[in-house]
N, C-alpha and C. Protein backbone atom coordinates (compact mmCIF):
# COMPACT_ATOMS: atom_id res chain seq x y z
N MET A 1 -58.35 -130.94 -170.74
CA MET A 1 -57.17 -131.61 -171.25
C MET A 1 -57.11 -131.43 -172.75
N ALA A 2 -56.10 -130.84 -173.20
CA ALA A 2 -55.95 -130.62 -174.63
C ALA A 2 -55.21 -131.79 -175.25
N SER A 3 -55.55 -132.10 -176.48
CA SER A 3 -54.79 -133.11 -177.20
C SER A 3 -53.55 -132.43 -177.75
N ALA A 4 -52.41 -132.89 -177.31
CA ALA A 4 -51.16 -132.29 -177.75
C ALA A 4 -50.13 -133.39 -177.91
N SER A 5 -49.23 -133.18 -178.78
CA SER A 5 -48.18 -134.16 -179.01
C SER A 5 -46.86 -133.59 -178.54
N GLY A 6 -46.14 -134.39 -177.77
CA GLY A 6 -44.80 -133.99 -177.38
C GLY A 6 -44.74 -132.89 -176.35
N ARG A 7 -45.73 -132.79 -175.46
CA ARG A 7 -45.68 -131.78 -174.42
C ARG A 7 -44.57 -132.13 -173.45
N GLY A 8 -43.98 -131.10 -172.86
CA GLY A 8 -42.96 -131.33 -171.85
C GLY A 8 -41.60 -131.61 -172.45
N SER A 9 -40.69 -132.00 -171.57
CA SER A 9 -39.32 -132.29 -172.01
C SER A 9 -39.24 -133.71 -172.56
N PRO A 10 -38.15 -134.05 -173.22
CA PRO A 10 -38.07 -135.34 -173.91
C PRO A 10 -37.75 -136.52 -173.01
N HIS A 11 -38.55 -136.74 -171.95
CA HIS A 11 -38.38 -137.94 -171.14
C HIS A 11 -38.86 -139.14 -171.94
N HIS A 12 -38.47 -140.30 -171.54
CA HIS A 12 -38.88 -141.56 -172.16
C HIS A 12 -38.51 -141.61 -173.64
N PRO A 13 -37.26 -141.30 -173.99
CA PRO A 13 -36.89 -141.29 -175.40
C PRO A 13 -36.94 -142.67 -176.03
N THR A 14 -36.91 -143.73 -175.21
CA THR A 14 -36.93 -145.07 -175.77
C THR A 14 -38.34 -145.64 -175.88
N HIS A 15 -39.35 -144.92 -175.42
CA HIS A 15 -40.73 -145.38 -175.47
C HIS A 15 -41.61 -144.39 -176.21
N ARG A 16 -42.52 -144.92 -177.02
CA ARG A 16 -43.56 -144.06 -177.61
C ARG A 16 -44.76 -144.15 -176.68
N LEU A 17 -45.18 -143.01 -176.14
CA LEU A 17 -46.25 -142.96 -175.16
C LEU A 17 -47.44 -142.21 -175.72
N ILE A 18 -48.60 -142.85 -175.67
CA ILE A 18 -49.87 -142.23 -176.07
C ILE A 18 -50.84 -142.42 -174.93
N LEU A 19 -51.45 -141.33 -174.47
CA LEU A 19 -52.42 -141.41 -173.39
C LEU A 19 -53.81 -141.13 -173.96
N TYR A 20 -54.67 -142.13 -173.88
CA TYR A 20 -56.07 -141.97 -174.25
C TYR A 20 -56.81 -141.47 -173.02
N THR A 21 -57.56 -140.40 -173.18
CA THR A 21 -58.23 -139.74 -172.06
C THR A 21 -59.65 -139.36 -172.47
N ARG A 22 -60.36 -138.82 -171.50
CA ARG A 22 -61.65 -138.18 -171.74
C ARG A 22 -61.69 -136.97 -170.82
N GLU A 23 -62.15 -135.86 -171.30
CA GLU A 23 -62.07 -134.60 -170.57
C GLU A 23 -62.76 -134.66 -169.20
N ASP A 24 -63.84 -135.40 -169.09
CA ASP A 24 -64.60 -135.43 -167.84
C ASP A 24 -64.19 -136.56 -166.90
N CYS A 25 -63.06 -137.17 -167.14
CA CYS A 25 -62.60 -138.32 -166.35
C CYS A 25 -61.62 -137.86 -165.27
N PRO A 26 -61.99 -138.00 -163.98
CA PRO A 26 -61.07 -137.56 -162.92
C PRO A 26 -59.79 -138.40 -162.84
N TYR A 27 -59.86 -139.66 -163.21
CA TYR A 27 -58.67 -140.51 -163.19
C TYR A 27 -57.70 -140.09 -164.29
N CYS A 28 -58.26 -139.68 -165.43
CA CYS A 28 -57.43 -139.15 -166.52
C CYS A 28 -56.73 -137.86 -166.07
N ALA A 29 -57.48 -137.00 -165.40
CA ALA A 29 -56.91 -135.73 -164.92
C ALA A 29 -55.75 -135.99 -163.97
N LYS A 30 -55.87 -137.01 -163.13
CA LYS A 30 -54.80 -137.37 -162.20
C LYS A 30 -53.53 -137.73 -162.97
N VAL A 31 -53.67 -138.54 -164.01
CA VAL A 31 -52.52 -138.97 -164.81
C VAL A 31 -51.92 -137.78 -165.56
N VAL A 32 -52.77 -136.94 -166.15
CA VAL A 32 -52.29 -135.77 -166.89
C VAL A 32 -51.52 -134.83 -165.96
N ARG A 33 -52.03 -134.61 -164.76
CA ARG A 33 -51.31 -133.75 -163.80
C ARG A 33 -49.93 -134.31 -163.50
N TYR A 34 -49.83 -135.62 -163.33
CA TYR A 34 -48.52 -136.22 -163.04
C TYR A 34 -47.59 -136.08 -164.25
N ILE A 35 -48.11 -136.34 -165.43
CA ILE A 35 -47.29 -136.21 -166.65
C ILE A 35 -46.78 -134.78 -166.80
N ASP A 36 -47.67 -133.81 -166.58
CA ASP A 36 -47.26 -132.40 -166.67
C ASP A 36 -46.20 -132.07 -165.63
N ARG A 37 -46.35 -132.64 -164.43
CA ARG A 37 -45.39 -132.36 -163.35
C ARG A 37 -44.00 -132.88 -163.67
N ILE A 38 -43.93 -134.08 -164.26
CA ILE A 38 -42.60 -134.65 -164.55
C ILE A 38 -42.07 -134.25 -165.92
N GLY A 39 -42.93 -133.66 -166.75
CA GLY A 39 -42.48 -133.19 -168.06
C GLY A 39 -42.27 -134.30 -169.07
N ALA A 40 -43.03 -135.38 -168.96
CA ALA A 40 -42.89 -136.49 -169.91
C ALA A 40 -43.48 -136.11 -171.27
N ALA A 41 -42.85 -136.61 -172.32
CA ALA A 41 -43.34 -136.39 -173.68
C ALA A 41 -44.39 -137.47 -173.98
N VAL A 42 -45.64 -137.05 -174.02
CA VAL A 42 -46.76 -137.97 -174.22
C VAL A 42 -47.70 -137.35 -175.24
N GLU A 43 -48.18 -138.17 -176.15
CA GLU A 43 -49.20 -137.73 -177.09
C GLU A 43 -50.56 -137.98 -176.44
N TYR A 44 -51.41 -136.97 -176.41
CA TYR A 44 -52.74 -137.07 -175.79
C TYR A 44 -53.79 -137.29 -176.86
N ARG A 45 -54.72 -138.22 -176.58
CA ARG A 45 -55.83 -138.48 -177.49
C ARG A 45 -57.12 -138.54 -176.67
N ASP A 46 -57.96 -137.54 -176.84
CA ASP A 46 -59.22 -137.44 -176.11
C ASP A 46 -60.31 -138.16 -176.89
N ILE A 47 -60.81 -139.28 -176.32
CA ILE A 47 -61.81 -140.08 -177.03
C ILE A 47 -63.17 -139.39 -177.09
N GLY A 48 -63.39 -138.40 -176.25
CA GLY A 48 -64.64 -137.64 -176.29
C GLY A 48 -64.65 -136.58 -177.37
N GLN A 49 -63.48 -136.13 -177.76
CA GLN A 49 -63.36 -135.08 -178.77
C GLN A 49 -63.19 -135.63 -180.18
N GLU A 50 -62.66 -136.83 -180.28
CA GLU A 50 -62.34 -137.39 -181.60
C GLU A 50 -62.79 -138.86 -181.64
N PRO A 51 -63.91 -139.15 -182.35
CA PRO A 51 -64.45 -140.52 -182.40
C PRO A 51 -63.46 -141.58 -182.88
N ARG A 52 -62.55 -141.22 -183.77
CA ARG A 52 -61.60 -142.22 -184.26
C ARG A 52 -60.66 -142.70 -183.16
N TYR A 53 -60.39 -141.84 -182.17
CA TYR A 53 -59.54 -142.25 -181.05
C TYR A 53 -60.24 -143.32 -180.20
N ARG A 54 -61.55 -143.21 -180.08
CA ARG A 54 -62.33 -144.22 -179.36
C ARG A 54 -62.19 -145.58 -180.05
N GLN A 55 -62.28 -145.58 -181.37
CA GLN A 55 -62.13 -146.81 -182.14
C GLN A 55 -60.71 -147.37 -182.02
N GLU A 56 -59.72 -146.49 -182.10
CA GLU A 56 -58.32 -146.91 -181.95
C GLU A 56 -58.12 -147.61 -180.61
N LEU A 57 -58.65 -146.99 -179.55
CA LEU A 57 -58.50 -147.53 -178.21
C LEU A 57 -59.12 -148.92 -178.11
N LYS A 58 -60.28 -149.09 -178.70
CA LYS A 58 -60.93 -150.40 -178.67
C LYS A 58 -60.12 -151.44 -179.44
N GLN A 59 -59.53 -151.03 -180.55
CA GLN A 59 -58.70 -151.95 -181.34
C GLN A 59 -57.43 -152.34 -180.58
N ILE A 60 -56.85 -151.40 -179.88
CA ILE A 60 -55.59 -151.65 -179.17
C ILE A 60 -55.79 -152.61 -178.00
N GLY A 61 -56.80 -152.35 -177.18
CA GLY A 61 -56.94 -153.12 -175.95
C GLY A 61 -58.22 -153.93 -175.81
N GLY A 62 -59.10 -153.84 -176.81
CA GLY A 62 -60.33 -154.61 -176.77
C GLY A 62 -61.42 -153.99 -175.92
N LYS A 63 -61.16 -152.82 -175.35
CA LYS A 63 -62.17 -152.14 -174.55
C LYS A 63 -61.95 -150.63 -174.63
N VAL A 64 -62.99 -149.90 -174.27
CA VAL A 64 -62.91 -148.44 -174.25
C VAL A 64 -62.89 -148.02 -172.79
N GLN A 65 -61.68 -147.97 -172.23
CA GLN A 65 -61.48 -147.58 -170.83
C GLN A 65 -60.37 -146.57 -170.78
N VAL A 66 -60.64 -145.47 -170.09
CA VAL A 66 -59.63 -144.43 -169.91
C VAL A 66 -59.43 -144.20 -168.42
N PRO A 67 -58.24 -143.77 -168.02
CA PRO A 67 -57.08 -143.52 -168.87
C PRO A 67 -56.45 -144.83 -169.35
N CYS A 68 -55.85 -144.73 -170.50
CA CYS A 68 -55.09 -145.84 -171.05
C CYS A 68 -53.80 -145.27 -171.62
N LEU A 69 -52.69 -145.69 -171.06
CA LEU A 69 -51.38 -145.30 -171.58
C LEU A 69 -50.89 -146.42 -172.47
N VAL A 70 -50.66 -146.10 -173.72
CA VAL A 70 -50.14 -147.08 -174.66
C VAL A 70 -48.63 -146.87 -174.73
N ILE A 71 -47.91 -147.92 -174.33
CA ILE A 71 -46.46 -147.87 -174.26
C ILE A 71 -45.92 -148.77 -175.36
N ASP A 72 -45.37 -148.16 -176.38
CA ASP A 72 -44.84 -148.93 -177.52
C ASP A 72 -45.87 -149.93 -178.04
N GLY A 73 -47.13 -149.50 -178.12
CA GLY A 73 -48.20 -150.33 -178.67
C GLY A 73 -48.92 -151.21 -177.68
N GLN A 74 -48.46 -151.25 -176.41
CA GLN A 74 -49.08 -152.09 -175.38
C GLN A 74 -49.89 -151.24 -174.41
N PRO A 75 -51.18 -151.57 -174.22
CA PRO A 75 -52.02 -150.74 -173.35
C PRO A 75 -51.79 -151.01 -171.87
N MET A 76 -51.88 -149.94 -171.08
CA MET A 76 -51.85 -150.04 -169.62
C MET A 76 -53.02 -149.21 -169.11
N TYR A 77 -53.85 -149.82 -168.27
CA TYR A 77 -55.02 -149.15 -167.72
C TYR A 77 -54.78 -148.88 -166.24
N GLU A 78 -55.70 -148.16 -165.65
CA GLU A 78 -55.70 -147.81 -164.21
C GLU A 78 -54.70 -146.70 -163.92
N SER A 79 -55.22 -145.61 -163.40
CA SER A 79 -54.40 -144.42 -163.16
C SER A 79 -53.23 -144.70 -162.21
N ASP A 80 -53.45 -145.45 -161.16
CA ASP A 80 -52.36 -145.74 -160.22
C ASP A 80 -51.24 -146.53 -160.89
N ASP A 81 -51.61 -147.50 -161.73
CA ASP A 81 -50.60 -148.30 -162.44
C ASP A 81 -49.82 -147.43 -163.42
N ILE A 82 -50.51 -146.52 -164.10
CA ILE A 82 -49.86 -145.64 -165.07
C ILE A 82 -48.87 -144.71 -164.36
N VAL A 83 -49.32 -144.08 -163.28
CA VAL A 83 -48.44 -143.17 -162.53
C VAL A 83 -47.25 -143.94 -161.98
N ARG A 84 -47.46 -145.15 -161.47
CA ARG A 84 -46.36 -145.97 -160.94
C ARG A 84 -45.35 -146.29 -162.05
N TRP A 85 -45.85 -146.68 -163.23
CA TRP A 85 -44.94 -147.00 -164.33
C TRP A 85 -44.13 -145.78 -164.73
N LEU A 86 -44.79 -144.63 -164.87
CA LEU A 86 -44.09 -143.40 -165.24
C LEU A 86 -43.04 -143.03 -164.19
N SER A 87 -43.40 -143.18 -162.93
CA SER A 87 -42.46 -142.88 -161.84
C SER A 87 -41.25 -143.81 -161.88
N ASN A 88 -41.49 -145.09 -162.09
CA ASN A 88 -40.39 -146.05 -162.18
C ASN A 88 -39.49 -145.77 -163.38
N GLU A 89 -40.07 -145.41 -164.50
CA GLU A 89 -39.28 -145.08 -165.68
C GLU A 89 -38.44 -143.83 -165.44
N ARG A 90 -39.04 -142.85 -164.79
CA ARG A 90 -38.31 -141.62 -164.48
C ARG A 90 -37.13 -141.92 -163.57
N ALA A 91 -37.34 -142.76 -162.56
CA ALA A 91 -36.26 -143.13 -161.64
C ALA A 91 -35.17 -143.91 -162.38
N ARG A 92 -35.58 -144.80 -163.27
CA ARG A 92 -34.61 -145.60 -164.03
C ARG A 92 -33.75 -144.69 -164.91
N GLU A 93 -34.36 -143.70 -165.52
CA GLU A 93 -33.61 -142.78 -166.40
C GLU A 93 -32.68 -141.88 -165.60
N ALA A 94 -33.02 -141.62 -164.35
CA ALA A 94 -32.20 -140.72 -163.51
C ALA A 94 -30.97 -141.42 -162.98
N ARG A 95 -30.97 -142.75 -162.98
CA ARG A 95 -29.80 -143.48 -162.47
C ARG A 95 -28.60 -143.28 -163.40
N PRO A 96 -27.44 -143.11 -162.82
CA PRO A 96 -26.26 -142.96 -163.66
C PRO A 96 -25.93 -144.27 -164.37
N ALA A 97 -25.44 -144.16 -165.55
CA ALA A 97 -25.03 -145.36 -166.32
C ALA A 97 -23.83 -146.00 -165.66
N THR A 98 -23.81 -147.32 -165.67
CA THR A 98 -22.69 -148.03 -165.03
C THR A 98 -21.81 -148.66 -166.09
């Protein structure tokens, strides 16, 4: 998993999304695969590659647990919850405006 900013198409324009990961984490890989599939714009931060990201993650949520998707400054843990949130956001954005 490479640390990259703004990969994919500009989904979630109203949310700033940062995914804290670790290269050897299978749950992180699951989330990254889903993000790549839907083309969401997410900034990746690998806590194994960059020690300051580990500290940031601890400051944000009080623990060092990956994957962690930070949505507008609020942490979300657990790969299933992250994928569900991304899926719901994608569906919400696909709905026509009324």
